[in-house]
Amino acid sequence: MRKIDEVIQDHRVIGITAHIRPDGDAIGSCLGLWNYLTKKYPDRDIRVYLDPLPDKFLFLPGASQVRQVGEERKFDLFITLDCGAIDRIGPAARYFYAAKETVCVDHHVRMGDFARINYIFPDASSTSELIFDLIDQEMLDDKIAQCLYMGIAHDTGLFQYSCTSEKTMRIAGRLMSTGIDYSGIIDATFSARSFAQNRILGHALDKARLYANGSFVASYITKEEMDAYGVAASDLDQIVSQLRITKGVEVACFLYQVGEDDFKVSFRSNGRIDVAALAMEYGGGGHVRAAGCNTALEPKEAIRLFADRVEDLLS
């Protein structure tokens, strides 16, 4: 597949989704593709399914059209974005399995493909970058550009991570040329924090501890603490990045509770450790410098397990 239009063909009913608890790249790539397809194929029924979006993303073009799984619908074509495993799309899997044709576009390291057509490039900065590659450039407008720019910026850590390439910067420049308020997009979705977000960040940093001779830093937040501070999971997405910049640290780890015996784990690396490989050891995955998994272990026990493994990898 060289362009997404190659698989559209005569498919009339098209669905788009990404992983559960979508991040900036998942949201940006889905809305970027939705804006492109609805512009180029106005006669098609095109729907995007994601978990409810955090308020900070609601200004994006197409955000009001995001649906949650529930309606009965059969799709001619179902597209998954930014998702390395079928179980990561949650309830939308029922639409995927019933669709006549399936496509996966992703940049995560994976164990195997699950769609019939797969466009997988682990070296790409983001799925939003891949969507830019796949669309007809002559159709690019500020609506599509806002979404894709936001997605790329989020997954590159504002163009600081090693996944940022010369090509990434050229694409960002092309998106900027459409007249988008690129600094406003970053302020609204990445930089700005509510008072509650600042408080939970401070609490998480206060709980942080160093392990493995100072090369591993970790913290965690329980559901009880989230409720006490009045925050949701989407308010925690900058904590692991703040931990990563601790001087002398090679790997940062942050856990937060998503179920009674279920913690979401995020890893960030400063270069020496491939955290995608680390996360895959525990059933997860991701990128060399940013990855994650889930664990049923008590958080202090899980942190000690991860710290010991990082110490082994560094020895």
Protein backbone atom coordinates (compact mmCIF):
# COMPACT_ATOMS: atom_id res chain seq x y z
CA MET A 1 0.00 0.00 0.00
CA ARG A 2 1.50 3.31 -1.12
CA LYS A 3 -1.55 5.51 -0.53
CA ILE A 4 -4.63 5.01 1.63
CA ASP A 5 -6.80 5.66 -1.44
CA GLU A 6 -5.66 2.32 -2.87
CA VAL A 7 -7.72 0.46 -0.27
CA ILE A 8 -10.75 2.79 -0.21
CA GLN A 9 -11.98 1.66 -3.66
CA ASP A 10 -15.73 0.99 -3.52
CA HIS A 11 -15.94 0.60 0.26
CA ARG A 12 -18.87 2.72 1.40
CA VAL A 13 -18.90 2.22 5.17
CA ILE A 14 -15.50 2.88 6.76
CA GLY A 15 -14.46 2.77 10.42
CA ILE A 16 -11.36 4.17 12.10
CA THR A 17 -10.02 3.47 15.58
CA ALA A 18 -6.84 3.46 17.68
CA HIS A 19 -5.73 1.99 20.98
CA ILE A 20 -7.69 2.37 24.20
CA ARG A 21 -6.89 5.42 26.34
CA PRO A 22 -5.64 7.23 23.21
CA ASP A 23 -2.68 9.58 23.42
CA GLY A 24 -1.92 12.59 21.23
CA ASP A 25 -0.64 10.56 18.29
CA ALA A 26 -3.59 8.15 18.35
CA ILE A 27 -6.04 11.04 18.43
CA GLY A 28 -4.16 13.13 15.87
CA SER A 29 -3.76 10.31 13.36
CA CYS A 30 -7.41 9.22 13.65
CA LEU A 31 -8.81 12.74 13.29
CA GLY A 32 -6.31 13.61 10.56
CA LEU A 33 -7.39 10.57 8.55
CA TRP A 34 -11.08 11.20 9.26
CA ASN A 35 -10.81 14.81 8.02
CA TYR A 36 -8.99 13.65 4.91
CA LEU A 37 -11.43 10.88 4.03
CA THR A 38 -14.57 12.93 4.67
CA LYS A 39 -13.15 15.70 2.48
CA LYS A 40 -12.14 13.45 -0.42
CA TYR A 41 -15.06 11.01 -0.15
CA PRO A 42 -18.05 13.08 1.03
CA ASP A 43 -20.50 10.42 -0.14
CA ARG A 44 -19.06 7.71 2.16
CA ASP A 45 -20.16 6.83 5.71
CA ILE A 46 -16.92 7.32 7.68
CA ARG A 47 -16.91 6.94 11.47
CA VAL A 48 -14.17 7.23 14.07
CA TYR A 49 -14.33 5.36 17.39
CA LEU A 50 -12.19 6.31 20.39
CA ASP A 51 -12.49 6.43 24.14
CA PRO A 52 -13.93 9.79 25.26
CA LEU A 53 -11.39 12.51 24.46
CA PRO A 54 -9.88 14.65 27.22
CA ASP A 55 -11.19 18.22 27.10
CA LYS A 56 -7.87 19.58 25.84
CA PHE A 57 -8.35 17.80 22.49
CA LEU A 58 -11.94 18.87 21.85
CA PHE A 59 -10.95 21.90 19.75
CA LEU A 60 -9.46 19.68 17.05
CA PRO A 61 -11.41 19.44 13.79
CA GLY A 62 -13.59 16.35 13.87
CA ALA A 63 -13.38 15.83 17.64
CA SER A 64 -17.14 16.29 17.97
CA GLN A 65 -17.65 13.37 15.57
CA VAL A 66 -15.81 10.83 17.73
CA ARG A 67 -18.08 7.97 18.74
CA GLN A 68 -17.91 5.25 21.38
CA VAL A 69 -18.50 1.62 20.49
CA GLY A 70 -22.07 0.53 21.09
CA GLU A 71 -24.08 0.97 17.93
CA GLU A 72 -24.64 -2.02 15.68
CA ARG A 73 -22.71 -1.47 12.49
CA LYS A 74 -21.09 -3.55 9.77
CA PHE A 75 -18.09 -2.02 8.03
CA ASP A 76 -16.79 -2.59 4.54
CA LEU A 77 -13.38 -1.33 5.67
CA PHE A 78 -12.05 -0.96 9.20
CA ILE A 79 -8.75 0.86 9.87
CA THR A 80 -6.73 0.65 13.08
CA LEU A 81 -4.09 3.28 13.81
CA ASP A 82 -1.24 3.48 16.32
CA CYS A 83 -1.98 0.05 17.75
CA GLY A 84 0.46 -2.85 17.97
CA ALA A 85 -1.97 -5.61 19.01
CA ILE A 86 -5.63 -6.33 18.34
CA ASP A 87 -6.51 -6.53 22.04
CA ARG A 88 -5.38 -2.91 22.41
CA ILE A 89 -8.33 -1.56 20.41
CA GLY A 90 -10.75 -2.71 23.10
CA PRO A 91 -14.44 -3.08 22.22
CA ALA A 92 -13.86 -1.81 18.67
CA ALA A 93 -12.40 -5.25 17.92
CA ARG A 94 -15.92 -6.47 17.20
CA TYR A 95 -16.15 -4.07 14.26
CA PHE A 96 -12.69 -5.07 13.09
CA TYR A 97 -13.42 -8.81 13.05
CA ALA A 98 -16.71 -8.34 11.20
CA ALA A 99 -15.33 -5.98 8.52
CA LYS A 100 -14.88 -7.10 4.92
CA GLU A 101 -11.42 -5.51 4.74
CA THR A 102 -8.97 -4.49 7.48
CA VAL A 103 -5.97 -2.17 7.54
CA CYS A 104 -3.42 -1.41 10.24
CA VAL A 105 -1.15 1.66 10.15
CA ASP A 106 1.37 1.78 12.98
CA HIS A 107 4.94 2.58 14.04
CA HIS A 108 5.28 0.33 17.09
CA VAL A 109 7.61 -2.63 17.36
CA ARG A 110 5.37 -5.71 17.24
CA MET A 111 5.36 -9.49 17.41
CA GLY A 112 3.15 -9.97 14.33
CA ASP A 113 0.52 -8.44 12.06
CA PHE A 114 -3.21 -8.76 12.70
CA ALA A 115 -4.86 -6.88 9.80
CA ARG A 116 -5.05 -8.12 6.22
CA ILE A 117 -3.22 -5.02 4.96
CA ASN A 118 -0.44 -3.67 7.17
CA TYR A 119 1.56 -0.46 6.82
CA ILE A 120 4.12 -0.74 9.62
CA PHE A 121 7.26 1.40 9.92
CA PRO A 122 8.82 1.25 13.42
CA ASP A 123 11.41 3.88 12.45
CA ALA A 124 8.75 6.52 11.83
CA SER A 125 8.32 9.20 14.48
CA SER A 126 4.60 8.64 14.81
CA THR A 127 1.51 7.19 13.18
CA SER A 128 0.54 10.76 12.29
CA GLU A 129 3.71 10.97 10.18
CA LEU A 130 2.67 7.77 8.39
CA ILE A 131 -0.81 9.14 7.71
CA PHE A 132 0.81 12.18 6.10
CA ASP A 133 2.73 9.81 3.82
CA LEU A 134 -0.44 7.92 2.90
CA ILE A 135 -2.74 10.80 1.97
CA ASP A 136 -2.96 12.74 -1.28
CA GLN A 137 -0.81 15.80 -0.52
CA GLU A 138 -2.92 17.98 -2.81
CA MET A 139 -5.86 17.49 -0.40
CA LEU A 140 -3.94 18.76 2.64
CA ASP A 141 -5.66 21.62 4.45
CA ASP A 142 -5.45 23.26 7.87
CA LYS A 143 -7.96 20.84 9.44
CA ILE A 144 -5.94 17.79 8.49
CA ALA A 145 -2.70 19.61 9.33
CA GLN A 146 -3.80 20.60 12.86
CA CYS A 147 -4.47 16.99 13.77
CA LEU A 148 -1.34 15.51 12.23
CA TYR A 149 0.95 18.23 13.59
CA MET A 150 -0.41 17.67 17.08
CA GLY A 151 0.09 13.91 16.79
CA ILE A 152 3.67 14.22 15.56
CA ALA A 153 4.56 16.80 18.21
CA HIS A 154 3.24 14.61 21.01
CA ASP A 155 4.98 11.41 19.97
CA THR A 156 8.31 13.16 19.41
CA GLY A 157 8.23 14.97 22.75
CA LEU A 158 8.04 18.30 20.90
CA PHE A 159 10.62 17.07 18.35
CA GLN A 160 13.17 16.15 21.04
CA TYR A 161 13.07 12.33 21.00
CA SER A 162 15.47 10.27 18.89
CA CYS A 163 12.59 9.16 16.65
CA THR A 164 12.58 12.71 15.21
CA SER A 165 14.22 12.62 11.78
CA GLU A 166 14.99 15.10 9.05
CA LYS A 167 11.89 13.79 7.28
CA THR A 168 9.81 14.43 10.41
CA MET A 169 10.91 18.07 10.44
CA ARG A 170 10.16 18.47 6.73
CA ILE A 171 6.65 17.12 7.28
CA ALA A 172 6.13 19.43 10.27
CA GLY A 173 7.19 22.35 8.11
CA ARG A 174 4.73 21.36 5.39
CA LEU A 175 1.92 21.11 7.94
CA MET A 176 2.86 24.53 9.36
CA SER A 177 2.65 26.01 5.85
CA THR A 178 -1.13 25.50 5.84
CA GLY A 179 -1.42 28.34 8.37
CA ILE A 180 -2.13 26.36 11.53
CA ASP A 181 -1.52 27.91 14.94
CA TYR A 182 1.25 25.44 15.73
CA SER A 183 2.34 27.09 18.99
CA GLY A 184 -1.27 27.30 20.17
CA ILE A 185 -1.77 23.59 19.44
CA ILE A 186 1.24 22.75 21.64
CA ASP A 187 0.16 25.08 24.42
CA ALA A 188 -3.38 23.68 24.46
CA THR A 189 -2.56 19.97 24.29
CA PHE A 190 0.96 19.53 25.65
CA SER A 191 2.28 22.40 27.75
CA ALA A 192 -0.73 23.81 29.62
CA ARG A 193 -1.61 22.09 32.89
CA SER A 194 -4.55 22.57 35.21
CA PHE A 195 -4.00 23.23 38.91
CA ALA A 196 -5.09 19.64 39.64
CA GLN A 197 -2.55 18.31 37.13
CA ASN A 198 0.23 20.32 38.77
CA ARG A 199 -0.77 19.01 42.20
CA ILE A 200 -0.78 15.35 41.14
CA LEU A 201 2.55 15.88 39.34
CA GLY A 202 4.01 17.27 42.57
CA HIS A 203 2.61 14.34 44.53
CA ALA A 204 4.03 11.80 42.07
CA LEU A 205 7.45 13.47 42.18
CA ASP A 206 7.39 13.48 45.97
CA LYS A 207 6.74 9.71 45.91
CA ALA A 208 9.48 9.04 43.34
CA ARG A 209 12.45 6.92 44.37
CA LEU A 210 15.80 6.08 42.78
CA TYR A 211 16.90 2.47 42.23
CA ALA A 212 19.70 0.57 40.49
CA ASN A 213 22.42 2.92 41.74
CA GLY A 214 20.48 5.96 40.58
CA SER A 215 19.93 4.76 37.01
CA PHE A 216 16.23 3.94 37.45
CA VAL A 217 13.58 6.30 38.82
CA ALA A 218 9.98 5.32 39.48
CA SER A 219 6.74 6.52 41.01
CA TYR A 220 3.12 5.42 41.05
CA ILE A 221 -0.38 6.74 41.65
CA THR A 222 -3.34 4.71 42.93
CA LYS A 223 -6.99 5.14 42.03
CA GLU A 224 -7.62 6.42 45.56
CA GLU A 225 -5.01 9.15 45.03
CA MET A 226 -6.44 10.08 41.63
CA ASP A 227 -9.87 10.49 43.22
CA ALA A 228 -8.45 12.53 46.09
CA TYR A 229 -6.75 14.95 43.68
CA GLY A 230 -9.71 15.02 41.28
CA VAL A 231 -7.78 13.80 38.24
CA ALA A 232 -8.27 11.19 35.52
CA ALA A 233 -5.75 9.00 33.72
CA SER A 234 -5.46 11.61 30.96
CA ASP A 235 -4.10 14.08 33.54
CA LEU A 236 -1.07 11.90 34.25
CA ASP A 237 0.53 11.76 30.80
CA GLN A 238 3.42 14.15 31.52
CA ILE A 239 4.60 12.58 34.76
CA VAL A 240 6.87 9.93 33.24
CA SER A 241 8.50 12.53 30.99
CA GLN A 242 9.26 14.68 34.02
CA LEU A 243 10.81 11.70 35.77
CA ARG A 244 12.94 10.94 32.70
CA ILE A 245 14.86 14.21 32.88
CA THR A 246 16.22 13.38 36.34
CA LYS A 247 20.00 13.74 36.20
CA GLY A 248 21.86 10.42 36.00
CA VAL A 249 18.75 8.37 35.19
CA GLU A 250 18.74 5.90 32.29
CA VAL A 251 15.12 4.68 32.62
CA ALA A 252 12.06 6.31 34.15
CA CYS A 253 8.97 4.32 35.12
CA PHE A 254 5.52 5.50 36.13
CA LEU A 255 2.55 3.35 37.11
CA TYR A 256 -1.07 4.33 37.62
CA GLN A 257 -4.04 2.20 38.58
CA VAL A 258 -6.62 1.36 35.91
CA GLY A 259 -8.40 -1.52 37.65
CA GLU A 260 -8.64 -3.32 40.96
CA ASP A 261 -5.51 -5.37 40.25
CA ASP A 262 -4.29 -3.60 37.14
CA PHE A 263 -1.66 -0.88 36.79
CA LYS A 264 -0.65 0.80 33.53
CA VAL A 265 3.13 1.04 33.28
CA SER A 266 4.99 3.65 31.22
CA PHE A 267 8.74 3.49 30.55
CA ARG A 268 11.00 6.21 29.14
CA SER A 269 14.66 5.75 28.24
CA ASN A 270 17.52 8.18 27.87
CA GLY A 271 19.24 5.98 25.31
CA ARG A 272 21.14 3.05 26.81
CA ILE A 273 18.12 0.80 27.39
CA ASP A 274 15.63 -0.33 24.73
CA VAL A 275 12.43 0.01 26.75
CA ALA A 276 10.34 -1.51 23.94
CA ALA A 277 12.22 -4.77 24.48
CA LEU A 278 11.85 -4.34 28.24
CA ALA A 279 8.10 -3.79 27.99
CA MET A 280 7.71 -6.80 25.68
CA GLU A 281 9.15 -9.00 28.43
CA TYR A 282 6.02 -8.13 30.43
CA GLY A 283 3.47 -8.37 27.63
CA GLY A 284 3.70 -4.79 26.38
CA GLY A 285 5.61 -2.95 23.69
CA GLY A 286 6.26 0.42 22.15
CA HIS A 287 9.36 2.26 20.99
CA VAL A 288 13.03 2.12 21.87
CA ARG A 289 12.73 5.17 24.13
CA ALA A 290 9.02 5.10 25.04
CA ALA A 291 7.06 1.96 25.83
CA GLY A 292 4.62 0.45 28.26
CA CYS A 293 2.77 -2.56 29.59
CA ASN A 294 0.28 -3.52 32.28
CA THR A 295 0.91 -5.38 35.51
CA ALA A 296 -1.23 -7.07 38.15
CA LEU A 297 1.57 -6.82 40.70
CA GLU A 298 1.43 -4.46 43.66
CA PRO A 299 3.21 -1.29 42.45
CA LYS A 300 6.17 -1.40 44.83
CA GLU A 301 6.77 -5.05 43.90
CA ALA A 302 6.52 -4.25 40.18
CA ILE A 303 8.92 -1.32 40.50
CA ARG A 304 11.48 -3.49 42.29
CA LEU A 305 11.14 -6.13 39.55
CA PHE A 306 11.66 -3.54 36.79
CA ALA A 307 14.54 -1.90 38.64
CA ASP A 308 16.35 -5.21 39.03
CA ARG A 309 15.88 -5.94 35.33
CA VAL A 310 17.24 -2.53 34.33
CA GLU A 311 20.23 -3.06 36.60
CA ASP A 312 20.87 -6.40 34.87
CA LEU A 313 20.64 -4.78 31.43
CA LEU A 314 23.09 -2.06 32.42
CA SER A 315 25.66 -4.45 33.88
